[in-house]
Amino acid sequence: MEAIKILEKPTAITWDYDEDADVLYLSIGEPRPAVGVDIGEGVVLRFDEARKEVVGLTLLGLRARLLKGLAGAR
């Protein structure tokens, strides 16, 4: 099995939040085309198949997650 690159000290983590959809997009470096792989619980891993590396994550329902976490912390 080929090795998959996850993080090799990226120059930056960029992000974008879509408030209407309640989705947070995290990219390792600048956003680029990738295949989305649903890894469960509202997390989608973005993977560059050609380079065999993870290029980002998409978190669905971020607001709901934060509210649930804050409510549980009380």
C-alpha atoms as a PDB file:
ATOM      1  CA  MET A   1       0.000   0.000   0.000  1.00  0.00           C
ATOM      2  CA  GLU A   2       1.299   3.426  -0.942  1.00  0.00           C
ATOM      3  CA  ALA A   3       1.930   5.984   1.782  1.00  0.00           C
ATOM      4  CA  ILE A   4      -0.538   8.822   2.053  1.00  0.00           C
ATOM      5  CA  LYS A   5       0.806  12.259   2.904  1.00  0.00           C
ATOM      6  CA  ILE A   6      -1.211  13.886   5.654  1.00  0.00           C
ATOM      7  CA  LEU A   7       0.800  16.876   6.830  1.00  0.00           C
ATOM      8  CA  GLU A   8       4.298  17.873   5.906  1.00  0.00           C
ATOM      9  CA  LYS A   9       4.537  21.236   7.635  1.00  0.00           C
ATOM     10  CA  PRO A  10       2.310  23.253   5.309  1.00  0.00           C
ATOM     11  CA  THR A  11       3.003  26.913   4.857  1.00  0.00           C
ATOM     12  CA  ALA A  12      -0.537  27.824   5.902  1.00  0.00           C
ATOM     13  CA  ILE A  13      -3.918  26.495   6.810  1.00  0.00           C
ATOM     14  CA  THR A  14      -6.571  28.539   5.030  1.00  0.00           C
ATOM     15  CA  TRP A  15     -10.229  28.476   5.916  1.00  0.00           C
ATOM     16  CA  ASP A  16     -13.607  29.685   4.770  1.00  0.00           C
ATOM     17  CA  TYR A  17     -16.889  29.524   6.657  1.00  0.00           C
ATOM     18  CA  ASP A  18     -20.239  29.454   4.842  1.00  0.00           C
ATOM     19  CA  GLU A  19     -22.622  30.824   7.470  1.00  0.00           C
ATOM     20  CA  ASP A  20     -25.782  30.044   5.488  1.00  0.00           C
ATOM     21  CA  ALA A  21     -24.813  26.380   5.011  1.00  0.00           C
ATOM     22  CA  ASP A  22     -23.007  26.193   8.407  1.00  0.00           C
ATOM     23  CA  VAL A  23     -19.959  24.596   6.816  1.00  0.00           C
ATOM     24  CA  LEU A  24     -16.275  25.203   7.625  1.00  0.00           C
ATOM     25  CA  TYR A  25     -13.734  24.510   4.887  1.00  0.00           C
ATOM     26  CA  LEU A  26     -10.110  23.997   5.984  1.00  0.00           C
ATOM     27  CA  SER A  27      -7.390  23.772   3.349  1.00  0.00           C
ATOM     28  CA  ILE A  28      -3.745  22.870   3.723  1.00  0.00           C
ATOM     29  CA  GLY A  29      -2.171  25.635   1.693  1.00  0.00           C
ATOM     30  CA  GLU A  30      -4.330  27.235  -0.973  1.00  0.00           C
ATOM     31  CA  PRO A  31      -7.598  25.437  -1.819  1.00  0.00           C
ATOM     32  CA  ARG A  32      -7.278  23.101  -4.803  1.00  0.00           C
ATOM     33  CA  PRO A  33      -9.356  20.464  -6.570  1.00  0.00           C
ATOM     34  CA  ALA A  34      -9.714  17.244  -4.601  1.00  0.00           C
ATOM     35  CA  VAL A  35     -11.879  14.208  -4.052  1.00  0.00           C
ATOM     36  CA  GLY A  36     -14.144  14.360  -0.999  1.00  0.00           C
ATOM     37  CA  VAL A  37     -14.131  11.282   1.230  1.00  0.00           C
ATOM     38  CA  ASP A  38     -16.874  11.170   3.875  1.00  0.00           C
ATOM     39  CA  ILE A  39     -15.171   9.905   7.021  1.00  0.00           C
ATOM     40  CA  GLY A  40     -18.295  10.134   9.154  1.00  0.00           C
ATOM     41  CA  GLU A  41     -19.962  12.428  11.661  1.00  0.00           C
ATOM     42  CA  GLY A  42     -20.153  15.342   9.222  1.00  0.00           C
ATOM     43  CA  VAL A  43     -16.452  15.370   8.344  1.00  0.00           C
ATOM     44  CA  VAL A  44     -15.310  15.186   4.738  1.00  0.00           C
ATOM     45  CA  LEU A  45     -11.610  14.672   4.056  1.00  0.00           C
ATOM     46  CA  ARG A  46     -10.371  16.283   0.829  1.00  0.00           C
ATOM     47  CA  PHE A  47      -7.763  14.181  -0.939  1.00  0.00           C
ATOM     48  CA  ASP A  48      -5.573  14.881  -3.971  1.00  0.00           C
ATOM     49  CA  GLU A  49      -5.446  11.481  -5.689  1.00  0.00           C
ATOM     50  CA  ALA A  50      -2.615  12.374  -8.059  1.00  0.00           C
ATOM     51  CA  ARG A  51      -0.286  13.526  -5.279  1.00  0.00           C
ATOM     52  CA  LYS A  52      -1.605  11.015  -2.717  1.00  0.00           C
ATOM     53  CA  GLU A  53      -2.069  13.668  -0.048  1.00  0.00           C
ATOM     54  CA  VAL A  54      -4.707  15.150   2.189  1.00  0.00           C
ATOM     55  CA  VAL A  55      -5.383  18.743   1.150  1.00  0.00           C
ATOM     56  CA  GLY A  56      -8.162  19.704   3.531  1.00  0.00           C
ATOM     57  CA  LEU A  57     -11.214  18.970   5.648  1.00  0.00           C
ATOM     58  CA  THR A  58     -14.814  20.081   5.442  1.00  0.00           C
ATOM     59  CA  LEU A  59     -16.815  20.219   8.688  1.00  0.00           C
ATOM     60  CA  LEU A  60     -20.577  20.148   8.255  1.00  0.00           C
ATOM     61  CA  GLY A  61     -22.863  21.669  10.894  1.00  0.00           C
ATOM     62  CA  LEU A  62     -20.153  23.603  12.720  1.00  0.00           C
ATOM     63  CA  ARG A  63     -22.561  25.901  14.608  1.00  0.00           C
ATOM     64  CA  ALA A  64     -24.559  22.932  15.911  1.00  0.00           C
ATOM     65  CA  ARG A  65     -21.356  21.174  16.993  1.00  0.00           C
ATOM     66  CA  LEU A  66     -20.162  24.231  18.908  1.00  0.00           C
ATOM     67  CA  LEU A  67     -23.508  24.754  20.635  1.00  0.00           C
ATOM     68  CA  LYS A  68     -23.680  21.076  21.606  1.00  0.00           C
ATOM     69  CA  GLY A  69     -20.105  21.179  22.921  1.00  0.00           C
ATOM     70  CA  LEU A  70     -20.703  24.352  24.908  1.00  0.00           C
ATOM     71  CA  ALA A  71     -23.934  22.982  26.389  1.00  0.00           C
ATOM     72  CA  GLY A  72     -22.124  19.797  27.437  1.00  0.00           C
ATOM     73  CA  ALA A  73     -19.351  21.804  29.107  1.00  0.00           C
ATOM     74  CA  ARG A  74     -21.761  23.310  31.650  1.00  0.00           C
END
